[in-house]
Amino acid sequence: MKKVFLFVVLACAAMVNAQEVIVTTDGQRINAKVTEVSKKEIKYYESDFLDGPLFILETSDVDSILFRNGKAISCRQRRDRERPRPTGQGTSYFGANNGNHGSHHGDGFFGQGNGQKGNTPVTGRGSNGGHDWSLAERSLVGNLPAPSNDYKQQGTIIVEIRVNASGDVINAEVKGGTISDKATQRHAVKAAYKAKFSTGKSEQSGTITYHFK
């Protein structure tokens, strides 16, 4: 019986160690299964989500990666890469427009004729639960999943999403906003993956803007 118990303990220990550890530049440690490392980004599955979704970090945000075989690589030389940020009023980030974020309708920030009234989502874009989304010719199905705010951040995080024909989010990446906290950004990406939209003819790209208060 003792031998069987010892075998189970050793097997569990091996499973725990059979993973990589990503150390970010702000000191966070992420237990993960790394699938790809390039000059610009690192793709990985979190240890609690080995079946998906796939997460992406910019290499400049990673200090080092500790691999399961005991080896490690340093990403310090790739720090300080400038991340893309949407500009302010009149930006084409959501498509051509002639207005500003405050109007939300008519010729406003989201484009003529495709805005919103109050918190009622409409085809193409809208607000739900205090957060905004934009996806041409699609409607939001149900509510927009809200990310947790464990670190009490204030500001916005803009997540670019890729949605398949069935309306499922198949890729999500942080592309802008005023919050740089990596943990909060990961919460936003996780929430974006849970969003559901109406069906379409093919894959489409859009955005979800989370407002943290």
Protein backbone atom coordinates (compact mmCIF):
# COMPACT_ATOMS: atom_id res chain seq x y z
CA MET A 1 0.00 0.00 0.00
CA LYS A 2 2.83 2.39 0.85
CA LYS A 3 4.49 1.63 -2.50
CA VAL A 4 1.27 2.45 -4.36
CA PHE A 5 0.87 5.72 -2.43
CA LEU A 6 4.48 6.68 -3.16
CA PHE A 7 3.97 5.99 -6.87
CA VAL A 8 0.88 8.23 -6.95
CA VAL A 9 2.76 11.05 -5.20
CA LEU A 10 5.68 10.81 -7.62
CA ALA A 11 3.31 10.71 -10.60
CA CYS A 12 1.49 13.84 -9.41
CA ALA A 13 4.80 15.62 -8.84
CA ALA A 14 5.89 14.77 -12.37
CA MET A 15 2.64 16.19 -13.77
CA VAL A 16 3.09 19.44 -11.86
CA ASN A 17 6.67 19.84 -13.04
CA ALA A 18 5.81 18.96 -16.65
CA GLN A 19 5.11 22.55 -17.60
CA GLU A 20 6.83 25.81 -18.43
CA VAL A 21 6.90 28.93 -16.28
CA ILE A 22 6.64 32.31 -18.00
CA VAL A 23 8.10 35.16 -15.94
CA THR A 24 6.79 38.56 -17.05
CA THR A 25 8.68 41.84 -16.79
CA ASP A 26 6.46 42.90 -13.87
CA GLY A 27 7.41 39.78 -11.88
CA GLN A 28 4.37 37.59 -12.47
CA ARG A 29 4.84 33.84 -12.94
CA ILE A 30 2.48 32.01 -15.30
CA ASN A 31 2.38 28.20 -15.24
CA ALA A 32 1.84 27.28 -18.86
CA LYS A 33 2.38 25.02 -21.84
CA VAL A 34 4.31 27.13 -24.35
CA THR A 35 3.50 26.33 -27.99
CA GLU A 36 5.47 28.99 -29.87
CA VAL A 37 8.20 31.55 -29.19
CA SER A 38 9.04 34.18 -31.80
CA LYS A 39 10.72 37.58 -31.85
CA LYS A 40 7.40 39.35 -31.41
CA GLU A 41 5.15 37.06 -29.37
CA ILE A 42 4.84 33.98 -27.20
CA LYS A 43 1.84 31.67 -27.52
CA TYR A 44 0.82 29.42 -24.66
CA TYR A 45 -1.93 27.56 -22.84
CA GLU A 46 -2.35 28.26 -19.13
CA SER A 47 -1.94 25.19 -16.92
CA ASP A 48 -5.61 25.40 -15.92
CA PHE A 49 -6.72 25.68 -19.56
CA LEU A 50 -4.60 23.15 -21.48
CA ASP A 51 -7.47 22.55 -23.94
CA GLY A 52 -7.75 26.25 -24.73
CA PRO A 53 -8.05 29.14 -25.16
CA LEU A 54 -4.65 30.00 -26.63
CA PHE A 55 -3.08 33.06 -24.99
CA ILE A 56 -0.54 35.42 -26.55
CA LEU A 57 2.05 37.65 -24.86
CA GLU A 58 4.34 40.08 -26.60
CA THR A 59 7.96 38.97 -26.19
CA SER A 60 8.79 42.44 -24.90
CA ASP A 61 6.51 41.80 -21.90
CA VAL A 62 8.34 38.60 -20.91
CA ASP A 63 11.52 38.49 -18.85
CA SER A 64 12.27 34.78 -19.21
CA ILE A 65 10.81 31.32 -19.80
CA LEU A 66 11.73 28.32 -17.65
CA PHE A 67 11.21 25.08 -19.56
CA ARG A 68 10.26 21.70 -18.15
CA ASN A 69 13.71 20.24 -19.00
CA GLY A 70 15.36 22.75 -16.67
CA LYS A 71 16.61 25.10 -19.39
CA ALA A 72 15.66 28.76 -19.55
CA ILE A 73 15.71 31.55 -22.13
CA SER A 74 15.90 35.28 -21.46
CA CYS A 75 13.74 37.76 -23.34
CA ARG A 76 15.25 40.88 -21.76
CA GLN A 77 16.86 42.04 -25.01
CA ARG A 78 13.40 42.24 -26.58
CA ARG A 79 11.93 44.61 -24.00
CA ASP A 80 10.52 48.06 -24.59
CA ARG A 81 8.95 47.32 -27.96
CA GLU A 82 6.25 49.87 -28.55
CA ARG A 83 2.75 48.37 -28.58
CA PRO A 84 0.13 49.70 -31.05
CA ARG A 85 -2.38 52.08 -29.53
CA PRO A 86 -5.52 53.55 -31.09
CA THR A 87 -5.49 57.33 -31.31
CA GLY A 88 -8.23 59.58 -29.96
CA GLN A 89 -11.14 61.22 -31.78
CA GLY A 90 -11.80 60.53 -35.41
CA THR A 91 -9.59 57.42 -35.46
CA SER A 92 -10.25 54.74 -38.04
CA TYR A 93 -9.65 52.03 -35.44
CA PHE A 94 -13.30 50.95 -35.68
CA GLY A 95 -13.68 51.94 -39.33
CA ALA A 96 -14.25 55.27 -41.06
CA ASN A 97 -16.24 57.81 -39.07
CA ASN A 98 -16.69 61.51 -38.62
CA GLY A 99 -17.52 61.86 -34.96
CA ASN A 100 -16.31 61.01 -31.50
CA HIS A 101 -16.70 58.37 -28.83
CA GLY A 102 -19.28 60.36 -26.93
CA SER A 103 -21.98 60.41 -29.63
CA HIS A 104 -22.39 56.65 -30.09
CA HIS A 105 -24.95 57.13 -32.88
CA GLY A 106 -25.57 58.84 -36.20
CA ASP A 107 -22.20 60.02 -37.50
CA GLY A 108 -20.50 59.13 -34.23
CA PHE A 109 -17.44 57.13 -33.30
CA PHE A 110 -18.86 53.81 -34.46
CA GLY A 111 -19.80 54.99 -37.96
CA GLN A 112 -22.93 56.34 -39.58
CA GLY A 113 -26.14 54.39 -39.05
CA ASN A 114 -24.55 51.62 -36.97
CA GLY A 115 -24.37 53.21 -33.55
CA GLN A 116 -26.41 52.46 -30.45
CA LYS A 117 -29.13 53.96 -28.33
CA GLY A 118 -28.71 53.61 -24.60
CA ASN A 119 -27.53 50.10 -23.72
CA THR A 120 -29.51 48.29 -26.42
CA PRO A 121 -27.14 46.27 -28.64
CA VAL A 122 -27.72 46.60 -32.38
CA THR A 123 -26.29 44.76 -35.36
CA GLY A 124 -22.64 45.63 -35.80
CA ARG A 125 -21.89 47.30 -32.47
CA GLY A 126 -23.32 48.25 -29.10
CA SER A 127 -22.90 48.30 -25.32
CA ASN A 128 -23.64 45.62 -22.77
CA GLY A 129 -22.93 45.61 -19.06
CA GLY A 130 -20.99 48.86 -19.35
CA HIS A 131 -18.65 47.50 -22.03
CA ASP A 132 -18.62 48.18 -25.79
CA TRP A 133 -18.26 45.78 -28.72
CA SER A 134 -17.88 46.23 -32.47
CA LEU A 135 -18.29 43.46 -35.07
CA ALA A 136 -19.69 44.31 -38.49
CA GLU A 137 -23.05 42.75 -39.38
CA ARG A 138 -23.13 40.60 -36.22
CA SER A 139 -25.28 40.77 -33.10
CA LEU A 140 -24.29 39.89 -29.56
CA VAL A 141 -25.85 36.66 -28.32
CA GLY A 142 -26.77 36.90 -24.64
CA ASN A 143 -24.70 39.12 -22.37
CA LEU A 144 -21.12 40.24 -22.88
CA PRO A 145 -18.98 38.33 -20.32
CA ALA A 146 -17.34 40.79 -17.95
CA PRO A 147 -13.72 40.37 -16.78
CA SER A 148 -12.88 40.41 -13.10
CA ASN A 149 -11.01 43.38 -11.70
CA ASP A 150 -9.02 41.78 -8.88
CA TYR A 151 -6.41 44.53 -8.95
CA LYS A 152 -8.91 47.43 -8.79
CA GLN A 153 -7.79 49.01 -12.05
CA GLN A 154 -9.47 52.02 -13.62
CA GLY A 155 -9.48 52.72 -17.34
CA THR A 156 -10.04 50.75 -20.54
CA ILE A 157 -8.69 47.67 -22.29
CA ILE A 158 -9.34 47.18 -26.00
CA VAL A 159 -9.30 43.54 -27.11
CA GLU A 160 -9.20 42.69 -30.80
CA ILE A 161 -11.23 39.55 -31.51
CA ARG A 162 -11.51 37.10 -34.39
CA VAL A 163 -14.91 35.39 -34.68
CA ASN A 164 -15.69 32.33 -36.81
CA ALA A 165 -18.80 31.73 -38.91
CA SER A 166 -20.55 30.09 -35.94
CA GLY A 167 -20.12 33.20 -33.80
CA ASP A 168 -17.41 31.86 -31.48
CA VAL A 169 -14.35 33.93 -30.58
CA ILE A 170 -11.34 31.99 -31.87
CA ASN A 171 -8.64 34.56 -31.14
CA ALA A 172 -8.34 37.51 -28.76
CA GLU A 173 -5.44 39.92 -28.19
CA VAL A 174 -5.04 43.16 -26.27
CA LYS A 175 -4.54 45.96 -28.79
CA GLY A 176 -4.91 49.15 -26.79
CA GLY A 177 -6.43 50.97 -23.86
CA THR A 178 -5.18 52.83 -20.80
CA ILE A 179 -4.56 49.86 -18.46
CA SER A 180 -1.10 48.26 -18.68
CA ASP A 181 -1.51 45.77 -15.81
CA LYS A 182 -0.84 42.36 -17.38
CA ALA A 183 -3.03 40.36 -15.01
CA THR A 184 -6.03 42.59 -15.72
CA GLN A 185 -5.32 42.35 -19.44
CA ARG A 186 -5.36 38.54 -19.20
CA HIS A 187 -8.73 38.70 -17.43
CA ALA A 188 -10.03 40.82 -20.33
CA VAL A 189 -8.75 38.33 -22.91
CA LYS A 190 -10.33 35.39 -21.02
CA ALA A 191 -13.67 37.21 -20.91
CA ALA A 192 -13.46 38.02 -24.63
CA TYR A 193 -13.05 34.33 -25.49
CA LYS A 194 -16.37 33.63 -23.75
CA ALA A 195 -18.35 36.13 -25.85
CA LYS A 196 -20.85 34.75 -28.36
CA PHE A 197 -22.10 36.46 -31.51
CA SER A 198 -24.62 35.68 -34.24
CA THR A 199 -23.58 33.50 -37.17
CA GLY A 200 -22.01 34.91 -40.33
CA LYS A 201 -20.73 33.82 -43.72
CA SER A 202 -17.05 33.73 -42.75
CA GLU A 203 -14.56 34.74 -40.08
CA GLN A 204 -14.55 38.39 -39.06
CA SER A 205 -12.46 40.70 -36.89
CA GLY A 206 -13.81 43.19 -34.38
CA THR A 207 -13.17 44.62 -30.94
CA ILE A 208 -14.42 44.55 -27.39
CA THR A 209 -13.67 47.57 -25.19
CA TYR A 210 -13.79 46.88 -21.47
CA HIS A 211 -14.33 49.81 -19.11
CA PHE A 212 -12.94 49.30 -15.60
CA LYS A 213 -14.21 51.63 -12.89
